[in-house]
Amino acid sequence: MSAGTITVVVKTVNVTFPLECLAGETRTTSNQIGVSGAEKPTVGVTAPSEVHWSMTIGRGEPPA
């Protein structure tokens, strides 16, 4: 397994952020963004083919 970068793009609200991946290491990362006016956001991920990833996307109330 090799190191790499996953780039997460939320197109409808123009948000992009990278996540670094380390070789041979499993990590859990949590990111939360507050957006308004995005009823059906589209999320895309690009990563090298050697990088294995999974994603869970949720929708909830904004943080207090």
PDB file of N, CA and C in Angstrom:
ATOM      1  N   MET A   1       0.853  -1.170   0.000  1.00  0.00           N
ATOM      2  CA  MET A   1       0.000   0.000   0.000  1.00  0.00           C
ATOM      3  C   MET A   1       0.904   1.239   0.000  1.00  0.00           C
ATOM      4  N   SER A   2       0.513   2.268  -0.701  1.00  0.00           N
ATOM      5  CA  SER A   2       1.340   3.466  -0.768  1.00  0.00           C
ATOM      6  C   SER A   2       0.592   4.670  -0.223  1.00  0.00           C
ATOM      7  N   ALA A   3       1.356   5.713   0.096  1.00  0.00           N
ATOM      8  CA  ALA A   3       0.762   6.953   0.591  1.00  0.00           C
ATOM      9  C   ALA A   3       0.101   7.686  -0.559  1.00  0.00           C
ATOM     10  N   GLY A   4      -0.802   8.582  -0.239  1.00  0.00           N
ATOM     11  CA  GLY A   4      -1.467   9.356  -1.275  1.00  0.00           C
ATOM     12  C   GLY A   4      -2.352  10.419  -0.672  1.00  0.00           C
ATOM     13  N   THR A   5      -3.067  11.094  -1.511  1.00  0.00           N
ATOM     14  CA  THR A   5      -3.988  12.139  -1.084  1.00  0.00           C
ATOM     15  C   THR A   5      -5.340  11.879  -1.710  1.00  0.00           C
ATOM     16  N   ILE A   6      -6.368  11.943  -0.899  1.00  0.00           N
ATOM     17  CA  ILE A   6      -7.742  11.895  -1.385  1.00  0.00           C
ATOM     18  C   ILE A   6      -8.232  13.342  -1.431  1.00  0.00           C
ATOM     19  N   THR A   7      -8.820  13.745  -2.535  1.00  0.00           N
ATOM     20  CA  THR A   7      -9.392  15.080  -2.645  1.00  0.00           C
ATOM     21  C   THR A   7     -10.903  14.952  -2.648  1.00  0.00           C
ATOM     22  N   VAL A   8     -11.550  15.584  -1.683  1.00  0.00           N
ATOM     23  CA  VAL A   8     -13.008  15.561  -1.564  1.00  0.00           C
ATOM     24  C   VAL A   8     -13.551  16.873  -2.115  1.00  0.00           C
ATOM     25  N   VAL A   9     -14.525  16.781  -3.003  1.00  0.00           N
ATOM     26  CA  VAL A   9     -15.115  17.959  -3.629  1.00  0.00           C
ATOM     27  C   VAL A   9     -16.630  17.908  -3.437  1.00  0.00           C
ATOM     28  N   VAL A  10     -17.194  18.970  -2.851  1.00  0.00           N
ATOM     29  CA  VAL A  10     -18.647  19.118  -2.753  1.00  0.00           C
ATOM     30  C   VAL A  10     -19.004  20.218  -3.750  1.00  0.00           C
ATOM     31  N   LYS A  11     -19.373  19.806  -4.945  1.00  0.00           N
ATOM     32  CA  LYS A  11     -19.500  20.717  -6.079  1.00  0.00           C
ATOM     33  C   LYS A  11     -20.551  21.807  -5.903  1.00  0.00           C
ATOM     34  N   THR A  12     -21.707  21.463  -5.377  1.00  0.00           N
ATOM     35  CA  THR A  12     -22.809  22.429  -5.345  1.00  0.00           C
ATOM     36  C   THR A  12     -22.553  23.615  -4.427  1.00  0.00           C
ATOM     37  N   VAL A  13     -21.620  23.474  -3.491  1.00  0.00           N
ATOM     38  CA  VAL A  13     -21.317  24.580  -2.579  1.00  0.00           C
ATOM     39  C   VAL A  13     -19.857  25.016  -2.684  1.00  0.00           C
ATOM     40  N   ASN A  14     -19.152  24.494  -3.677  1.00  0.00           N
ATOM     41  CA  ASN A  14     -17.788  24.916  -3.982  1.00  0.00           C
ATOM     42  C   ASN A  14     -16.836  24.696  -2.806  1.00  0.00           C
ATOM     43  N   VAL A  15     -16.887  23.514  -2.187  1.00  0.00           N
ATOM     44  CA  VAL A  15     -15.998  23.162  -1.086  1.00  0.00           C
ATOM     45  C   VAL A  15     -15.084  22.038  -1.555  1.00  0.00           C
ATOM     46  N   THR A  16     -13.787  22.196  -1.333  1.00  0.00           N
ATOM     47  CA  THR A  16     -12.798  21.173  -1.678  1.00  0.00           C
ATOM     48  C   THR A  16     -11.807  21.070  -0.528  1.00  0.00           C
ATOM     49  N   PHE A  17     -11.453  19.839  -0.153  1.00  0.00           N
ATOM     50  CA  PHE A  17     -10.400  19.679   0.848  1.00  0.00           C
ATOM     51  C   PHE A  17      -9.664  18.361   0.621  1.00  0.00           C
ATOM     52  N   PRO A  18      -8.343  18.369   0.887  1.00  0.00           N
ATOM     53  CA  PRO A  18      -7.554  17.154   0.733  1.00  0.00           C
ATOM     54  C   PRO A  18      -7.467  16.386   2.053  1.00  0.00           C
ATOM     55  N   LEU A  19      -7.326  15.083   1.968  1.00  0.00           N
ATOM     56  CA  LEU A  19      -7.050  14.224   3.114  1.00  0.00           C
ATOM     57  C   LEU A  19      -5.815  13.397   2.787  1.00  0.00           C
ATOM     58  N   GLU A  20      -4.809  13.488   3.625  1.00  0.00           N
ATOM     59  CA  GLU A  20      -3.580  12.732   3.412  1.00  0.00           C
ATOM     60  C   GLU A  20      -3.756  11.294   3.893  1.00  0.00           C
ATOM     61  N   CYS A  21      -3.237  10.349   3.126  1.00  0.00           N
ATOM     62  CA  CYS A  21      -3.291   8.933   3.470  1.00  0.00           C
ATOM     63  C   CYS A  21      -1.862   8.443   3.665  1.00  0.00           C
ATOM     64  N   LEU A  22      -1.634   7.688   4.734  1.00  0.00           N
ATOM     65  CA  LEU A  22      -0.316   7.158   5.016  1.00  0.00           C
ATOM     66  C   LEU A  22      -0.245   5.692   4.627  1.00  0.00           C
ATOM     67  N   ALA A  23       0.894   5.258   4.136  1.00  0.00           N
ATOM     68  CA  ALA A  23       1.067   3.877   3.707  1.00  0.00           C
ATOM     69  C   ALA A  23       0.912   2.927   4.895  1.00  0.00           C
ATOM     70  N   GLY A  24       0.108   1.880   4.731  1.00  0.00           N
ATOM     71  CA  GLY A  24      -0.055   0.852   5.739  1.00  0.00           C
ATOM     72  C   GLY A  24      -0.795   1.287   6.989  1.00  0.00           C
ATOM     73  N   GLU A  25      -1.467   2.416   6.963  1.00  0.00           N
ATOM     74  CA  GLU A  25      -2.164   2.919   8.146  1.00  0.00           C
ATOM     75  C   GLU A  25      -3.642   3.134   7.836  1.00  0.00           C
ATOM     76  N   THR A  26      -4.500   2.686   8.743  1.00  0.00           N
ATOM     77  CA  THR A  26      -5.933   2.924   8.621  1.00  0.00           C
ATOM     78  C   THR A  26      -6.296   4.068   9.554  1.00  0.00           C
ATOM     79  N   ARG A  27      -6.999   5.053   9.034  1.00  0.00           N
ATOM     80  CA  ARG A  27      -7.389   6.200   9.846  1.00  0.00           C
ATOM     81  C   ARG A  27      -8.860   6.498   9.645  1.00  0.00           C
ATOM     82  N   THR A  28      -9.445   7.076  10.672  1.00  0.00           N
ATOM     83  CA  THR A  28     -10.808   7.592  10.589  1.00  0.00           C
ATOM     84  C   THR A  28     -10.719   9.101  10.705  1.00  0.00           C
ATOM     85  N   THR A  29     -11.330   9.788   9.772  1.00  0.00           N
ATOM     86  CA  THR A  29     -11.322  11.244   9.765  1.00  0.00           C
ATOM     87  C   THR A  29     -12.757  11.722   9.683  1.00  0.00           C
ATOM     88  N   SER A  30     -13.064  12.741  10.448  1.00  0.00           N
ATOM     89  CA  SER A  30     -14.402  13.306  10.421  1.00  0.00           C
ATOM     90  C   SER A  30     -14.304  14.767  10.007  1.00  0.00           C
ATOM     91  N   ASN A  31     -15.082  15.150   9.040  1.00  0.00           N
ATOM     92  CA  ASN A  31     -15.159  16.536   8.601  1.00  0.00           C
ATOM     93  C   ASN A  31     -16.615  16.936   8.590  1.00  0.00           C
ATOM     94  N   GLN A  32     -16.872  18.141   9.047  1.00  0.00           N
ATOM     95  CA  GLN A  32     -18.234  18.641   9.073  1.00  0.00           C
ATOM     96  C   GLN A  32     -18.229  20.045   8.487  1.00  0.00           C
ATOM     97  N   ILE A  33     -19.108  20.264   7.519  1.00  0.00           N
ATOM     98  CA  ILE A  33     -19.224  21.594   6.938  1.00  0.00           C
ATOM     99  C   ILE A  33     -20.681  22.014   7.014  1.00  0.00           C
ATOM    100  N   GLY A  34     -20.900  23.272   7.298  1.00  0.00           N
ATOM    101  CA  GLY A  34     -22.248  23.806   7.337  1.00  0.00           C
ATOM    102  C   GLY A  34     -22.536  24.540   6.037  1.00  0.00           C
ATOM    103  N   VAL A  35     -23.574  24.148   5.363  1.00  0.00           N
ATOM    104  CA  VAL A  35     -23.944  24.792   4.102  1.00  0.00           C
ATOM    105  C   VAL A  35     -25.434  25.086   4.116  1.00  0.00           C
ATOM    106  N   SER A  36     -25.817  26.079   3.377  1.00  0.00           N
ATOM    107  CA  SER A  36     -27.238  26.352   3.222  1.00  0.00           C
ATOM    108  C   SER A  36     -27.537  26.458   1.734  1.00  0.00           C
ATOM    109  N   GLY A  37     -28.749  26.170   1.381  1.00  0.00           N
ATOM    110  CA  GLY A  37     -29.155  26.259  -0.013  1.00  0.00           C
ATOM    111  C   GLY A  37     -28.667  25.113  -0.880  1.00  0.00           C
ATOM    112  N   ALA A  38     -28.271  24.016  -0.262  1.00  0.00           N
ATOM    113  CA  ALA A  38     -27.787  22.864  -1.024  1.00  0.00           C
ATOM    114  C   ALA A  38     -28.692  21.674  -0.721  1.00  0.00           C
ATOM    115  N   GLU A  39     -29.789  21.597  -1.409  1.00  0.00           N
ATOM    116  CA  GLU A  39     -30.745  20.525  -1.159  1.00  0.00           C
ATOM    117  C   GLU A  39     -30.254  19.169  -1.663  1.00  0.00           C
ATOM    118  N   LYS A  40     -29.519  19.159  -2.768  1.00  0.00           N
ATOM    119  CA  LYS A  40     -29.026  17.904  -3.334  1.00  0.00           C
ATOM    120  C   LYS A  40     -27.543  18.067  -3.685  1.00  0.00           C
ATOM    121  N   PRO A  41     -26.675  18.138  -2.664  1.00  0.00           N
ATOM    122  CA  PRO A  41     -25.253  18.313  -2.966  1.00  0.00           C
ATOM    123  C   PRO A  41     -24.668  17.088  -3.647  1.00  0.00           C
ATOM    124  N   THR A  42     -23.651  17.292  -4.444  1.00  0.00           N
ATOM    125  CA  THR A  42     -22.921  16.225  -5.107  1.00  0.00           C
ATOM    126  C   THR A  42     -21.524  16.182  -4.523  1.00  0.00           C
ATOM    127  N   VAL A  43     -21.079  15.000  -4.131  1.00  0.00           N
ATOM    128  CA  VAL A  43     -19.760  14.837  -3.542  1.00  0.00           C
ATOM    129  C   VAL A  43     -18.956  13.925  -4.452  1.00  0.00           C
ATOM    130  N   GLY A  44     -17.719  14.314  -4.716  1.00  0.00           N
ATOM    131  CA  GLY A  44     -16.830  13.496  -5.524  1.00  0.00           C
ATOM    132  C   GLY A  44     -15.526  13.272  -4.789  1.00  0.00           C
ATOM    133  N   VAL A  45     -14.892  12.132  -5.023  1.00  0.00           N
ATOM    134  CA  VAL A  45     -13.608  11.809  -4.418  1.00  0.00           C
ATOM    135  C   VAL A  45     -12.674  11.345  -5.511  1.00  0.00           C
ATOM    136  N   THR A  46     -11.443  11.865  -5.509  1.00  0.00           N
ATOM    137  CA  THR A  46     -10.415  11.351  -6.410  1.00  0.00           C
ATOM    138  C   THR A  46      -9.246  10.897  -5.563  1.00  0.00           C
ATOM    139  N   ALA A  47      -8.645   9.776  -5.927  1.00  0.00           N
ATOM    140  CA  ALA A  47      -7.508   9.225  -5.200  1.00  0.00           C
ATOM    141  C   ALA A  47      -6.745   8.307  -6.142  1.00  0.00           C
ATOM    142  N   PRO A  48      -5.456   8.101  -5.870  1.00  0.00           N
ATOM    143  CA  PRO A  48      -4.700   7.135  -6.673  1.00  0.00           C
ATOM    144  C   PRO A  48      -5.330   5.743  -6.543  1.00  0.00           C
ATOM    145  N   SER A  49      -5.157   4.911  -7.547  1.00  0.00           N
ATOM    146  CA  SER A  49      -5.792   3.595  -7.540  1.00  0.00           C
ATOM    147  C   SER A  49      -5.285   2.711  -6.401  1.00  0.00           C
ATOM    148  N   GLU A  50      -4.112   2.991  -5.848  1.00  0.00           N
ATOM    149  CA  GLU A  50      -3.566   2.191  -4.751  1.00  0.00           C
ATOM    150  C   GLU A  50      -4.226   2.520  -3.418  1.00  0.00           C
ATOM    151  N   VAL A  51      -4.924   3.644  -3.314  1.00  0.00           N
ATOM    152  CA  VAL A  51      -5.526   4.081  -2.058  1.00  0.00           C
ATOM    153  C   VAL A  51      -6.930   3.499  -1.951  1.00  0.00           C
ATOM    154  N   HIS A  52      -7.199   2.825  -0.856  1.00  0.00           N
ATOM    155  CA  HIS A  52      -8.530   2.270  -0.591  1.00  0.00           C
ATOM    156  C   HIS A  52      -9.239   3.215   0.370  1.00  0.00           C
ATOM    157  N   TRP A  53     -10.479   3.546   0.088  1.00  0.00           N
ATOM    158  CA  TRP A  53     -11.196   4.508   0.919  1.00  0.00           C
ATOM    159  C   TRP A  53     -12.670   4.150   0.968  1.00  0.00           C
ATOM    160  N   SER A  54     -13.336   4.695   1.968  1.00  0.00           N
ATOM    161  CA  SER A  54     -14.789   4.590   2.047  1.00  0.00           C
ATOM    162  C   SER A  54     -15.307   5.882   2.661  1.00  0.00           C
ATOM    163  N   MET A  55     -16.573   6.162   2.452  1.00  0.00           N
ATOM    164  CA  MET A  55     -17.129   7.433   2.896  1.00  0.00           C
ATOM    165  C   MET A  55     -18.564   7.236   3.373  1.00  0.00           C
ATOM    166  N   THR A  56     -18.910   7.943   4.427  1.00  0.00           N
ATOM    167  CA  THR A  56     -20.278   8.021   4.891  1.00  0.00           C
ATOM    168  C   THR A  56     -20.672   9.484   4.903  1.00  0.00           C
ATOM    169  N   ILE A  57     -21.803   9.792   4.320  1.00  0.00           N
ATOM    170  CA  ILE A  57     -22.288  11.176   4.258  1.00  0.00           C
ATOM    171  C   ILE A  57     -23.616  11.243   4.983  1.00  0.00           C
ATOM    172  N   GLY A  58     -23.744  12.211   5.859  1.00  0.00           N
ATOM    173  CA  GLY A  58     -24.980  12.342   6.604  1.00  0.00           C
ATOM    174  C   GLY A  58     -25.496  13.774   6.535  1.00  0.00           C
ATOM    175  N   ARG A  59     -26.698  13.920   6.963  1.00  0.00           N
ATOM    176  CA  ARG A  59     -27.325  15.230   6.982  1.00  0.00           C
ATOM    177  C   ARG A  59     -27.974  15.404   8.339  1.00  0.00           C
ATOM    178  N   GLY A  60     -27.748  16.530   8.958  1.00  0.00           N
ATOM    179  CA  GLY A  60     -28.290  16.729  10.285  1.00  0.00           C
ATOM    180  C   GLY A  60     -28.441  18.209  10.597  1.00  0.00           C
ATOM    181  N   GLU A  61     -28.741  18.472  11.840  1.00  0.00           N
ATOM    182  CA  GLU A  61     -28.891  19.845  12.298  1.00  0.00           C
ATOM    183  C   GLU A  61     -27.516  20.485  12.434  1.00  0.00           C
ATOM    184  N   PRO A  62     -27.424  21.796  12.211  1.00  0.00           N
ATOM    185  CA  PRO A  62     -26.158  22.475  12.383  1.00  0.00           C
ATOM    186  C   PRO A  62     -25.699  22.414  13.843  1.00  0.00           C
ATOM    187  N   PRO A  63     -24.370  22.445  14.063  1.00  0.00           N
ATOM    188  CA  PRO A  63     -23.889  22.406  15.444  1.00  0.00           C
ATOM    189  C   PRO A  63     -24.353  23.644  16.214  1.00  0.00           C
ATOM    190  N   ALA A  64     -24.572  23.476  17.505  1.00  0.00           N
ATOM    191  CA  ALA A  64     -25.024  24.589  18.355  1.00  0.00           C
ATOM    192  C   ALA A  64     -23.897  25.555  18.656  1.00  0.00           C
TER     193      ALA A  64
END
